[in-house]
Amino acid sequence: MDWRLNTQHLEQYESVFRTRGFRKASRELSVSHNTIRKNIERLEAQIGKPLFASKGSPLQFTTLGEQIGQCLMSELKLLSRINAEIRALSELPTGVIVGIPAIESTQALHAHLIRLANRSPCLEIELASHCDLNDVMSGLVHLGIFLDRPTAQPTIAPDDCIGGIRIDVPHAFYSARNSYPERLIGGYTDEEWEVLESLSLPSSIEVPSKQYGIRSAYERSQLASAGYGIACLPVYGKEHDPTLVERTDLPRVSLHSLHIGMSALFAKSAAHRLVRSFLIDLLTGEPEHLFSGQSE
């Protein structure tokens, strides 16, 4: 027996089963009810067993007819979702340019974005190593991540050219065991130094000029492990020297927040909304998840 059943006949039977009527199915599918009757009769002939116990009012189905109807309802819902996803993907533009600053707090985002692009064949993500607000507002960079002052709590702003998310990045103080001197190796932006200078640190810790603002967490950890001071580093990440010890006598602090902005030119683009939501979910989720698999 050839079990390659006609898909159209199956869809018509599912409609009759779900609506409990030939005429209701006819209106739903815009197919004459006589055509539906004949096609279902062909389906029964191919299966070799009846699907209806009675075709009167109300319709009564055989046990086999009930089982096939329930199965079709489930499978056609899945098919509908697949079709919707394929249609949405086909409408995505091919390119989304994302600007990510080259700092330790954002490096893990590169790997996550690449994996997102690999999972979505119609989505192409281009990473820009630098962007500013003007780049985003002009559309040169579609989505940008900027450094901002700490916000004390995550905030999500409206979907405009500077709207998005601002999330604080927690830092801690690290040093090598029994290291000396206690000189602070900290932030490199004016905003970060404002935070550091406002802290009530022990008088033994020297807060030097901004020349000790080292851009790379790796460089900061290297200086600290060599005994040149106390480094202020992100709590999560894999750049830290494993020989460094967190100074539990000093408070953890948020030196900066990350702020996502999206150009208003792409506000209606499904692809850009997808990437923006993906970044928001990452940055508002567990930090361990953000940095998981960073070195993969």
C-alpha atoms as a PDB file:
ATOM      1  CA  MET A   1       0.000   0.000   0.000  1.00  0.00           C
ATOM      2  CA  ASP A   2       1.235   3.519  -0.862  1.00  0.00           C
ATOM      3  CA  TRP A   3       1.032   5.492   2.391  1.00  0.00           C
ATOM      4  CA  ARG A   4       2.013   8.825   0.835  1.00  0.00           C
ATOM      5  CA  LEU A   5      -1.325  10.432   1.663  1.00  0.00           C
ATOM      6  CA  ASN A   6      -2.465  13.581  -0.102  1.00  0.00           C
ATOM      7  CA  THR A   7      -1.591  16.554   2.137  1.00  0.00           C
ATOM      8  CA  GLN A   8      -4.558  18.574   0.893  1.00  0.00           C
ATOM      9  CA  HIS A   9      -6.949  15.735   1.751  1.00  0.00           C
ATOM     10  CA  LEU A  10      -5.442  15.503   5.236  1.00  0.00           C
ATOM     11  CA  GLU A  11      -5.825  19.257   5.788  1.00  0.00           C
ATOM     12  CA  GLN A  12      -9.469  19.068   4.712  1.00  0.00           C
ATOM     13  CA  TYR A  13     -10.153  16.154   7.061  1.00  0.00           C
ATOM     14  CA  GLU A  14      -8.471  18.030   9.929  1.00  0.00           C
ATOM     15  CA  SER A  15     -10.748  21.016   9.313  1.00  0.00           C
ATOM     16  CA  VAL A  16     -13.863  18.809   9.288  1.00  0.00           C
ATOM     17  CA  PHE A  17     -12.716  17.055  12.470  1.00  0.00           C
ATOM     18  CA  ARG A  18     -11.892  20.311  14.272  1.00  0.00           C
ATOM     19  CA  THR A  19     -15.017  22.232  13.222  1.00  0.00           C
ATOM     20  CA  ARG A  20     -17.271  19.167  13.421  1.00  0.00           C
ATOM     21  CA  GLY A  21     -18.932  19.940  10.107  1.00  0.00           C
ATOM     22  CA  PHE A  22     -18.406  19.741   6.337  1.00  0.00           C
ATOM     23  CA  ARG A  23     -19.984  23.138   5.668  1.00  0.00           C
ATOM     24  CA  LYS A  24     -17.932  24.819   8.411  1.00  0.00           C
ATOM     25  CA  ALA A  25     -14.782  23.330   6.904  1.00  0.00           C
ATOM     26  CA  SER A  26     -15.946  24.463   3.469  1.00  0.00           C
ATOM     27  CA  ARG A  27     -16.260  28.074   4.658  1.00  0.00           C
ATOM     28  CA  GLU A  28     -12.922  27.911   6.480  1.00  0.00           C
ATOM     29  CA  LEU A  29     -11.006  26.521   3.494  1.00  0.00           C
ATOM     30  CA  SER A  30     -13.045  28.195   0.709  1.00  0.00           C
ATOM     31  CA  VAL A  31     -13.582  24.774  -0.877  1.00  0.00           C
ATOM     32  CA  SER A  32     -17.000  23.325  -1.744  1.00  0.00           C
ATOM     33  CA  HIS A  33     -18.265  20.837   0.807  1.00  0.00           C
ATOM     34  CA  ASN A  34     -18.917  18.299  -1.964  1.00  0.00           C
ATOM     35  CA  THR A  35     -15.246  18.468  -2.947  1.00  0.00           C
ATOM     36  CA  ILE A  36     -14.246  17.971   0.674  1.00  0.00           C
ATOM     37  CA  ARG A  37     -16.576  14.954   0.972  1.00  0.00           C
ATOM     38  CA  LYS A  38     -15.122  13.332  -2.137  1.00  0.00           C
ATOM     39  CA  ASN A  39     -11.534  13.966  -1.075  1.00  0.00           C
ATOM     40  CA  ILE A  40     -12.143  12.475   2.377  1.00  0.00           C
ATOM     41  CA  GLU A  41     -13.756   9.435   0.734  1.00  0.00           C
ATOM     42  CA  ARG A  42     -10.564   9.047  -1.311  1.00  0.00           C
ATOM     43  CA  LEU A  43      -8.588   9.316   1.927  1.00  0.00           C
ATOM     44  CA  GLU A  44     -10.699   6.580   3.539  1.00  0.00           C
ATOM     45  CA  ALA A  45     -10.239   4.367   0.482  1.00  0.00           C
ATOM     46  CA  GLN A  46      -6.491   4.823   0.617  1.00  0.00           C
ATOM     47  CA  ILE A  47      -6.371   4.054   4.346  1.00  0.00           C
ATOM     48  CA  GLY A  48      -8.718   1.115   3.898  1.00  0.00           C
ATOM     49  CA  LYS A  49     -10.843   1.881   6.955  1.00  0.00           C
ATOM     50  CA  PRO A  50     -13.694   4.329   7.657  1.00  0.00           C
ATOM     51  CA  LEU A  51     -13.055   7.562   9.525  1.00  0.00           C
ATOM     52  CA  PHE A  52     -16.718   8.311  10.272  1.00  0.00           C
ATOM     53  CA  ALA A  53     -19.133   6.253  12.351  1.00  0.00           C
ATOM     54  CA  SER A  54     -21.907   8.530  11.098  1.00  0.00           C
ATOM     55  CA  LYS A  55     -21.943  11.475   8.678  1.00  0.00           C
ATOM     56  CA  GLY A  56     -25.247  12.737  10.011  1.00  0.00           C
ATOM     57  CA  SER A  57     -25.689  15.625  12.400  1.00  0.00           C
ATOM     58  CA  PRO A  58     -23.754  15.635  14.636  1.00  0.00           C
ATOM     59  CA  LEU A  59     -20.787  13.971  12.971  1.00  0.00           C
ATOM     60  CA  GLN A  60     -19.518  10.855  14.701  1.00  0.00           C
ATOM     61  CA  PHE A  61     -15.998   9.553  14.164  1.00  0.00           C
ATOM     62  CA  THR A  62     -14.593   6.075  14.468  1.00  0.00           C
ATOM     63  CA  THR A  63     -11.806   5.434  16.961  1.00  0.00           C
ATOM     64  CA  LEU A  64      -9.331   5.577  14.076  1.00  0.00           C
ATOM     65  CA  GLY A  65     -10.914   8.799  12.826  1.00  0.00           C
ATOM     66  CA  GLU A  66     -10.553  10.378  16.291  1.00  0.00           C
ATOM     67  CA  GLN A  67      -6.910   9.348  16.570  1.00  0.00           C
ATOM     68  CA  ILE A  68      -6.020  10.617  13.095  1.00  0.00           C
ATOM     69  CA  GLY A  69      -7.909  13.871  13.710  1.00  0.00           C
ATOM     70  CA  GLN A  70      -6.115  14.554  16.985  1.00  0.00           C
ATOM     71  CA  CYS A  71      -2.759  13.761  15.381  1.00  0.00           C
ATOM     72  CA  LEU A  72      -3.445  16.088  12.440  1.00  0.00           C
ATOM     73  CA  MET A  73      -4.487  18.961  14.713  1.00  0.00           C
ATOM     74  CA  SER A  74      -1.181  18.733  16.562  1.00  0.00           C
ATOM     75  CA  GLU A  75       0.982  18.313  13.467  1.00  0.00           C
ATOM     76  CA  LEU A  76      -0.676  21.092  11.461  1.00  0.00           C
ATOM     77  CA  LYS A  77      -0.186  23.523  14.346  1.00  0.00           C
ATOM     78  CA  LEU A  78       3.511  22.672  14.250  1.00  0.00           C
ATOM     79  CA  LEU A  79       3.566  23.108  10.471  1.00  0.00           C
ATOM     80  CA  SER A  80       1.879  26.496  10.845  1.00  0.00           C
ATOM     81  CA  ARG A  81       4.538  27.645  13.322  1.00  0.00           C
ATOM     82  CA  ILE A  82       7.319  26.415  11.043  1.00  0.00           C
ATOM     83  CA  ASN A  83       5.803  28.285   8.094  1.00  0.00           C
ATOM     84  CA  ALA A  84       5.524  31.448  10.199  1.00  0.00           C
ATOM     85  CA  GLU A  85       9.175  31.207  11.283  1.00  0.00           C
ATOM     86  CA  ILE A  86      10.346  30.592   7.720  1.00  0.00           C
ATOM     87  CA  ARG A  87       8.299  33.563   6.510  1.00  0.00           C
ATOM     88  CA  ALA A  88       9.756  35.784   9.255  1.00  0.00           C
ATOM     89  CA  LEU A  89      13.305  34.682   8.460  1.00  0.00           C
ATOM     90  CA  SER A  90      12.802  35.283   4.749  1.00  0.00           C
ATOM     91  CA  GLU A  91      11.819  38.877   5.526  1.00  0.00           C
ATOM     92  CA  LEU A  92      14.972  39.597   7.537  1.00  0.00           C
ATOM     93  CA  PRO A  93      17.504  41.891   5.910  1.00  0.00           C
ATOM     94  CA  THR A  94      20.881  40.316   5.323  1.00  0.00           C
ATOM     95  CA  GLY A  95      22.989  42.651   7.433  1.00  0.00           C
ATOM     96  CA  VAL A  96      22.974  44.133  10.924  1.00  0.00           C
ATOM     97  CA  ILE A  97      26.019  46.214  11.921  1.00  0.00           C
ATOM     98  CA  VAL A  98      26.684  46.099  15.663  1.00  0.00           C
ATOM     99  CA  GLY A  99      29.251  48.378  17.294  1.00  0.00           C
ATOM    100  CA  ILE A 100      30.893  46.915  20.395  1.00  0.00           C
ATOM    101  CA  PRO A 101      33.642  48.752  22.315  1.00  0.00           C
ATOM    102  CA  ALA A 102      36.899  46.845  22.716  1.00  0.00           C
ATOM    103  CA  ILE A 103      36.735  46.498  26.487  1.00  0.00           C
ATOM    104  CA  GLU A 104      36.644  43.451  28.718  1.00  0.00           C
ATOM    105  CA  SER A 105      32.992  43.917  29.721  1.00  0.00           C
ATOM    106  CA  THR A 106      31.765  43.383  26.165  1.00  0.00           C
ATOM    107  CA  GLN A 107      34.163  40.900  24.585  1.00  0.00           C
ATOM    108  CA  ALA A 108      31.950  37.931  25.469  1.00  0.00           C
ATOM    109  CA  LEU A 109      29.181  39.434  23.325  1.00  0.00           C
ATOM    110  CA  HIS A 110      31.138  38.714  20.133  1.00  0.00           C
ATOM    111  CA  ALA A 111      30.886  34.936  20.548  1.00  0.00           C
ATOM    112  CA  HIS A 112      27.181  35.079  21.429  1.00  0.00           C
ATOM    113  CA  LEU A 113      26.370  37.227  18.385  1.00  0.00           C
ATOM    114  CA  ILE A 114      28.313  34.916  16.072  1.00  0.00           C
ATOM    115  CA  ARG A 115      26.349  31.939  17.418  1.00  0.00           C
ATOM    116  CA  LEU A 116      23.084  33.840  16.886  1.00  0.00           C
ATOM    117  CA  ALA A 117      24.032  34.509  13.252  1.00  0.00           C
ATOM    118  CA  ASN A 118      24.973  30.852  12.746  1.00  0.00           C
ATOM    119  CA  ARG A 119      21.548  29.764  14.042  1.00  0.00           C
ATOM    120  CA  SER A 120      19.745  32.177  11.692  1.00  0.00           C
ATOM    121  CA  PRO A 121      20.872  31.557   8.087  1.00  0.00           C
ATOM    122  CA  CYS A 122      19.151  34.696   6.772  1.00  0.00           C
ATOM    123  CA  LEU A 123      20.791  36.922   9.380  1.00  0.00           C
ATOM    124  CA  GLU A 124      24.248  38.380   8.819  1.00  0.00           C
ATOM    125  CA  ILE A 125      25.872  40.258  11.694  1.00  0.00           C
ATOM    126  CA  GLU A 126      28.826  42.563  11.092  1.00  0.00           C
ATOM    127  CA  LEU A 127      30.790  43.684  14.140  1.00  0.00           C
ATOM    128  CA  ALA A 128      32.252  47.196  14.280  1.00  0.00           C
ATOM    129  CA  SER A 129      35.090  47.684  16.761  1.00  0.00           C
ATOM    130  CA  HIS A 130      34.137  51.282  17.485  1.00  0.00           C
ATOM    131  CA  CYS A 131      31.047  53.448  17.340  1.00  0.00           C
ATOM    132  CA  ASP A 132      29.671  56.543  18.965  1.00  0.00           C
ATOM    133  CA  LEU A 133      26.218  58.044  19.252  1.00  0.00           C
ATOM    134  CA  ASN A 134      26.610  59.972  15.993  1.00  0.00           C
ATOM    135  CA  ASP A 135      27.409  56.738  14.138  1.00  0.00           C
ATOM    136  CA  VAL A 136      24.188  55.179  15.422  1.00  0.00           C
ATOM    137  CA  MET A 137      21.986  58.215  14.795  1.00  0.00           C
ATOM    138  CA  SER A 138      23.273  58.479  11.218  1.00  0.00           C
ATOM    139  CA  GLY A 139      22.761  54.761  10.578  1.00  0.00           C
ATOM    140  CA  LEU A 140      26.443  54.119   9.899  1.00  0.00           C
ATOM    141  CA  VAL A 141      26.250  51.631  12.788  1.00  0.00           C
ATOM    142  CA  HIS A 142      22.816  50.074  13.259  1.00  0.00           C
ATOM    143  CA  LEU A 143      23.126  49.032  16.898  1.00  0.00           C
ATOM    144  CA  GLY A 144      25.745  50.349  19.292  1.00  0.00           C
ATOM    145  CA  ILE A 145      26.904  49.625  22.820  1.00  0.00           C
ATOM    146  CA  PHE A 146      28.253  52.624  24.730  1.00  0.00           C
ATOM    147  CA  LEU A 147      29.847  53.138  28.111  1.00  0.00           C
ATOM    148  CA  ASP A 148      27.769  55.204  30.505  1.00  0.00           C
ATOM    149  CA  ARG A 149      27.647  56.133  34.164  1.00  0.00           C
ATOM    150  CA  PRO A 150      26.297  53.445  36.524  1.00  0.00           C
ATOM    151  CA  THR A 151      22.512  53.439  36.821  1.00  0.00           C
ATOM    152  CA  ALA A 152      22.093  51.563  40.138  1.00  0.00           C
ATOM    153  CA  GLN A 153      19.577  49.241  38.466  1.00  0.00           C
ATOM    154  CA  PRO A 154      18.837  47.927  34.953  1.00  0.00           C
ATOM    155  CA  THR A 155      16.657  50.264  32.921  1.00  0.00           C
ATOM    156  CA  ILE A 156      15.071  49.745  29.528  1.00  0.00           C
ATOM    157  CA  ALA A 157      14.335  52.914  27.605  1.00  0.00           C
ATOM    158  CA  PRO A 158      11.930  53.460  24.678  1.00  0.00           C
ATOM    159  CA  ASP A 159      12.852  52.218  21.211  1.00  0.00           C
ATOM    160  CA  ASP A 160      14.367  55.405  19.854  1.00  0.00           C
ATOM    161  CA  CYS A 161      17.808  56.198  18.500  1.00  0.00           C
ATOM    162  CA  ILE A 162      19.362  56.218  21.963  1.00  0.00           C
ATOM    163  CA  GLY A 163      16.955  53.847  23.684  1.00  0.00           C
ATOM    164  CA  GLY A 164      17.757  50.361  24.760  1.00  0.00           C
ATOM    165  CA  ILE A 165      19.180  49.047  27.960  1.00  0.00           C
ATOM    166  CA  ARG A 166      21.614  50.325  30.563  1.00  0.00           C
ATOM    167  CA  ILE A 167      23.034  47.678  32.861  1.00  0.00           C
ATOM    168  CA  ASP A 168      25.731  48.141  35.478  1.00  0.00           C
ATOM    169  CA  VAL A 169      28.919  46.058  35.216  1.00  0.00           C
ATOM    170  CA  PRO A 170      30.139  44.969  38.679  1.00  0.00           C
ATOM    171  CA  HIS A 171      33.853  45.272  39.422  1.00  0.00           C
ATOM    172  CA  ALA A 172      35.972  44.099  42.336  1.00  0.00           C
ATOM    173  CA  PHE A 173      39.456  44.866  43.629  1.00  0.00           C
ATOM    174  CA  TYR A 174      42.145  42.231  43.039  1.00  0.00           C
ATOM    175  CA  SER A 175      45.797  41.976  43.986  1.00  0.00           C
ATOM    176  CA  ALA A 176      48.550  39.390  44.278  1.00  0.00           C
ATOM    177  CA  ARG A 177      49.055  37.875  47.707  1.00  0.00           C
ATOM    178  CA  ASN A 178      51.058  40.157  50.013  1.00  0.00           C
ATOM    179  CA  SER A 179      51.651  42.570  47.115  1.00  0.00           C
ATOM    180  CA  TYR A 180      52.952  46.072  47.600  1.00  0.00           C
ATOM    181  CA  PRO A 181      52.422  48.978  47.010  1.00  0.00           C
ATOM    182  CA  GLU A 182      48.677  49.521  47.464  1.00  0.00           C
ATOM    183  CA  ARG A 183      48.308  51.737  44.420  1.00  0.00           C
ATOM    184  CA  LEU A 184      44.975  51.706  42.599  1.00  0.00           C
ATOM    185  CA  ILE A 185      45.013  50.521  38.977  1.00  0.00           C
ATOM    186  CA  GLY A 186      41.492  51.391  37.934  1.00  0.00           C
ATOM    187  CA  GLY A 187      39.200  52.912  35.344  1.00  0.00           C
ATOM    188  CA  TYR A 188      40.195  54.707  32.191  1.00  0.00           C
ATOM    189  CA  THR A 189      37.206  56.985  31.501  1.00  0.00           C
ATOM    190  CA  ASP A 190      36.408  60.191  33.368  1.00  0.00           C
ATOM    191  CA  GLU A 191      33.139  58.672  34.568  1.00  0.00           C
ATOM    192  CA  GLU A 192      34.904  55.609  36.000  1.00  0.00           C
ATOM    193  CA  TRP A 193      37.447  57.749  37.830  1.00  0.00           C
ATOM    194  CA  GLU A 194      34.601  59.807  39.294  1.00  0.00           C
ATOM    195  CA  VAL A 195      33.231  56.611  40.834  1.00  0.00           C
ATOM    196  CA  LEU A 196      36.642  55.489  42.132  1.00  0.00           C
ATOM    197  CA  GLU A 197      37.478  58.865  43.630  1.00  0.00           C
ATOM    198  CA  SER A 198      34.124  58.960  45.418  1.00  0.00           C
ATOM    199  CA  LEU A 199      34.782  55.680  47.270  1.00  0.00           C
ATOM    200  CA  SER A 200      35.793  55.627  50.918  1.00  0.00           C
ATOM    201  CA  LEU A 201      38.883  53.478  50.474  1.00  0.00           C
ATOM    202  CA  PRO A 202      41.411  52.895  53.290  1.00  0.00           C
ATOM    203  CA  SER A 203      44.001  55.645  53.596  1.00  0.00           C
ATOM    204  CA  SER A 204      46.732  53.110  52.839  1.00  0.00           C
ATOM    205  CA  ILE A 205      45.483  52.829  49.253  1.00  0.00           C
ATOM    206  CA  GLU A 206      46.916  55.437  46.929  1.00  0.00           C
ATOM    207  CA  VAL A 207      44.483  56.762  44.308  1.00  0.00           C
ATOM    208  CA  PRO A 208      46.889  58.013  41.633  1.00  0.00           C
ATOM    209  CA  SER A 209      46.323  60.195  38.615  1.00  0.00           C
ATOM    210  CA  LYS A 210      44.417  58.885  35.617  1.00  0.00           C
ATOM    211  CA  GLN A 211      47.627  57.735  33.952  1.00  0.00           C
ATOM    212  CA  TYR A 212      46.997  54.431  35.716  1.00  0.00           C
ATOM    213  CA  GLY A 213      43.779  53.961  33.791  1.00  0.00           C
ATOM    214  CA  ILE A 214      44.678  50.893  31.719  1.00  0.00           C
ATOM    215  CA  ARG A 215      42.248  50.026  28.939  1.00  0.00           C
ATOM    216  CA  SER A 216      42.677  46.248  29.002  1.00  0.00           C
ATOM    217  CA  ALA A 217      41.615  44.071  31.924  1.00  0.00           C
ATOM    218  CA  TYR A 218      44.451  41.755  30.954  1.00  0.00           C
ATOM    219  CA  GLU A 219      46.999  44.576  31.324  1.00  0.00           C
ATOM    220  CA  ARG A 220      45.515  45.583  34.663  1.00  0.00           C
ATOM    221  CA  SER A 221      45.640  42.018  35.960  1.00  0.00           C
ATOM    222  CA  GLN A 222      49.234  41.657  34.722  1.00  0.00           C
ATOM    223  CA  LEU A 223      50.308  44.763  36.634  1.00  0.00           C
ATOM    224  CA  ALA A 224      48.517  43.586  39.763  1.00  0.00           C
ATOM    225  CA  SER A 225      49.979  40.074  39.607  1.00  0.00           C
ATOM    226  CA  ALA A 226      53.445  41.632  39.230  1.00  0.00           C
ATOM    227  CA  GLY A 227      52.894  43.523  42.470  1.00  0.00           C
ATOM    228  CA  TYR A 228      52.382  47.018  41.062  1.00  0.00           C
ATOM    229  CA  GLY A 229      49.111  47.686  42.805  1.00  0.00           C
ATOM    230  CA  ILE A 230      45.455  46.782  43.244  1.00  0.00           C
ATOM    231  CA  ALA A 231      43.498  46.310  40.007  1.00  0.00           C
ATOM    232  CA  CYS A 232      39.814  47.135  39.673  1.00  0.00           C
ATOM    233  CA  LEU A 233      38.497  44.412  37.332  1.00  0.00           C
ATOM    234  CA  PRO A 234      35.108  43.083  36.196  1.00  0.00           C
ATOM    235  CA  VAL A 235      33.798  40.416  38.550  1.00  0.00           C
ATOM    236  CA  TYR A 236      32.951  38.069  35.680  1.00  0.00           C
ATOM    237  CA  GLY A 237      35.170  37.187  32.754  1.00  0.00           C
ATOM    238  CA  LYS A 238      38.208  35.090  31.953  1.00  0.00           C
ATOM    239  CA  GLU A 239      40.904  37.739  31.580  1.00  0.00           C
ATOM    240  CA  HIS A 240      41.867  37.681  35.248  1.00  0.00           C
ATOM    241  CA  ASP A 241      45.127  36.117  36.334  1.00  0.00           C
ATOM    242  CA  PRO A 242      44.195  33.066  38.467  1.00  0.00           C
ATOM    243  CA  THR A 243      46.913  34.035  40.960  1.00  0.00           C
ATOM    244  CA  LEU A 244      45.050  37.227  41.817  1.00  0.00           C
ATOM    245  CA  VAL A 245      42.958  37.295  44.975  1.00  0.00           C
ATOM    246  CA  GLU A 246      39.828  39.395  45.415  1.00  0.00           C
ATOM    247  CA  ARG A 247      40.191  41.923  48.215  1.00  0.00           C
ATOM    248  CA  THR A 248      37.151  41.027  50.298  1.00  0.00           C
ATOM    249  CA  ASP A 249      37.943  43.926  52.628  1.00  0.00           C
ATOM    250  CA  LEU A 250      37.105  46.312  49.784  1.00  0.00           C
ATOM    251  CA  PRO A 251      33.604  46.768  48.347  1.00  0.00           C
ATOM    252  CA  ARG A 252      32.511  45.628  44.940  1.00  0.00           C
ATOM    253  CA  VAL A 253      31.568  48.578  42.773  1.00  0.00           C
ATOM    254  CA  SER A 254      29.990  49.323  39.402  1.00  0.00           C
ATOM    255  CA  LEU A 255      32.450  51.422  37.414  1.00  0.00           C
ATOM    256  CA  HIS A 256      30.242  51.818  34.372  1.00  0.00           C
ATOM    257  CA  SER A 257      27.061  50.683  32.687  1.00  0.00           C
ATOM    258  CA  LEU A 258      26.618  49.371  29.172  1.00  0.00           C
ATOM    259  CA  HIS A 259      24.046  51.248  27.125  1.00  0.00           C
ATOM    260  CA  ILE A 260      22.545  49.808  23.937  1.00  0.00           C
ATOM    261  CA  GLY A 261      21.304  52.263  21.338  1.00  0.00           C
ATOM    262  CA  MET A 262      19.563  51.512  18.042  1.00  0.00           C
ATOM    263  CA  SER A 263      19.209  53.802  15.051  1.00  0.00           C
ATOM    264  CA  ALA A 264      15.644  54.927  14.430  1.00  0.00           C
ATOM    265  CA  LEU A 265      16.206  54.080  10.752  1.00  0.00           C
ATOM    266  CA  PHE A 266      15.935  50.372  11.616  1.00  0.00           C
ATOM    267  CA  ALA A 267      13.135  50.531  14.186  1.00  0.00           C
ATOM    268  CA  LYS A 268      10.766  48.521  11.939  1.00  0.00           C
ATOM    269  CA  SER A 269      13.310  45.900  10.922  1.00  0.00           C
ATOM    270  CA  ALA A 270      12.598  42.433  12.323  1.00  0.00           C
ATOM    271  CA  ALA A 271      16.295  41.566  12.143  1.00  0.00           C
ATOM    272  CA  HIS A 272      17.413  44.572  14.160  1.00  0.00           C
ATOM    273  CA  ARG A 273      14.684  44.050  16.757  1.00  0.00           C
ATOM    274  CA  LEU A 274      15.791  40.416  17.025  1.00  0.00           C
ATOM    275  CA  VAL A 275      19.440  41.345  17.656  1.00  0.00           C
ATOM    276  CA  ARG A 276      18.487  44.134  20.064  1.00  0.00           C
ATOM    277  CA  SER A 277      16.233  41.819  22.106  1.00  0.00           C
ATOM    278  CA  PHE A 278      18.954  39.165  22.091  1.00  0.00           C
ATOM    279  CA  LEU A 279      21.492  41.621  23.535  1.00  0.00           C
ATOM    280  CA  ILE A 280      19.016  42.854  26.138  1.00  0.00           C
ATOM    281  CA  ASP A 281      18.290  39.277  27.243  1.00  0.00           C
ATOM    282  CA  LEU A 282      22.024  38.583  27.525  1.00  0.00           C
ATOM    283  CA  LEU A 283      22.862  41.690  29.512  1.00  0.00           C
ATOM    284  CA  THR A 284      19.889  41.378  31.877  1.00  0.00           C
ATOM    285  CA  GLY A 285      20.459  37.649  32.433  1.00  0.00           C
ATOM    286  CA  GLU A 286      22.865  35.887  34.735  1.00  0.00           C
ATOM    287  CA  PRO A 287      26.464  37.140  34.296  1.00  0.00           C
ATOM    288  CA  GLU A 288      27.674  33.541  34.351  1.00  0.00           C
ATOM    289  CA  HIS A 289      25.589  32.867  31.233  1.00  0.00           C
ATOM    290  CA  LEU A 290      26.953  35.959  29.494  1.00  0.00           C
ATOM    291  CA  PHE A 291      30.517  34.804  29.952  1.00  0.00           C
ATOM    292  CA  SER A 292      29.892  31.065  29.532  1.00  0.00           C
ATOM    293  CA  GLY A 293      31.695  29.635  26.532  1.00  0.00           C
ATOM    294  CA  GLN A 294      33.572  32.880  25.960  1.00  0.00           C
ATOM    295  CA  SER A 295      36.717  31.057  24.923  1.00  0.00           C
ATOM    296  CA  GLU A 296      34.941  28.547  22.644  1.00  0.00           C
END
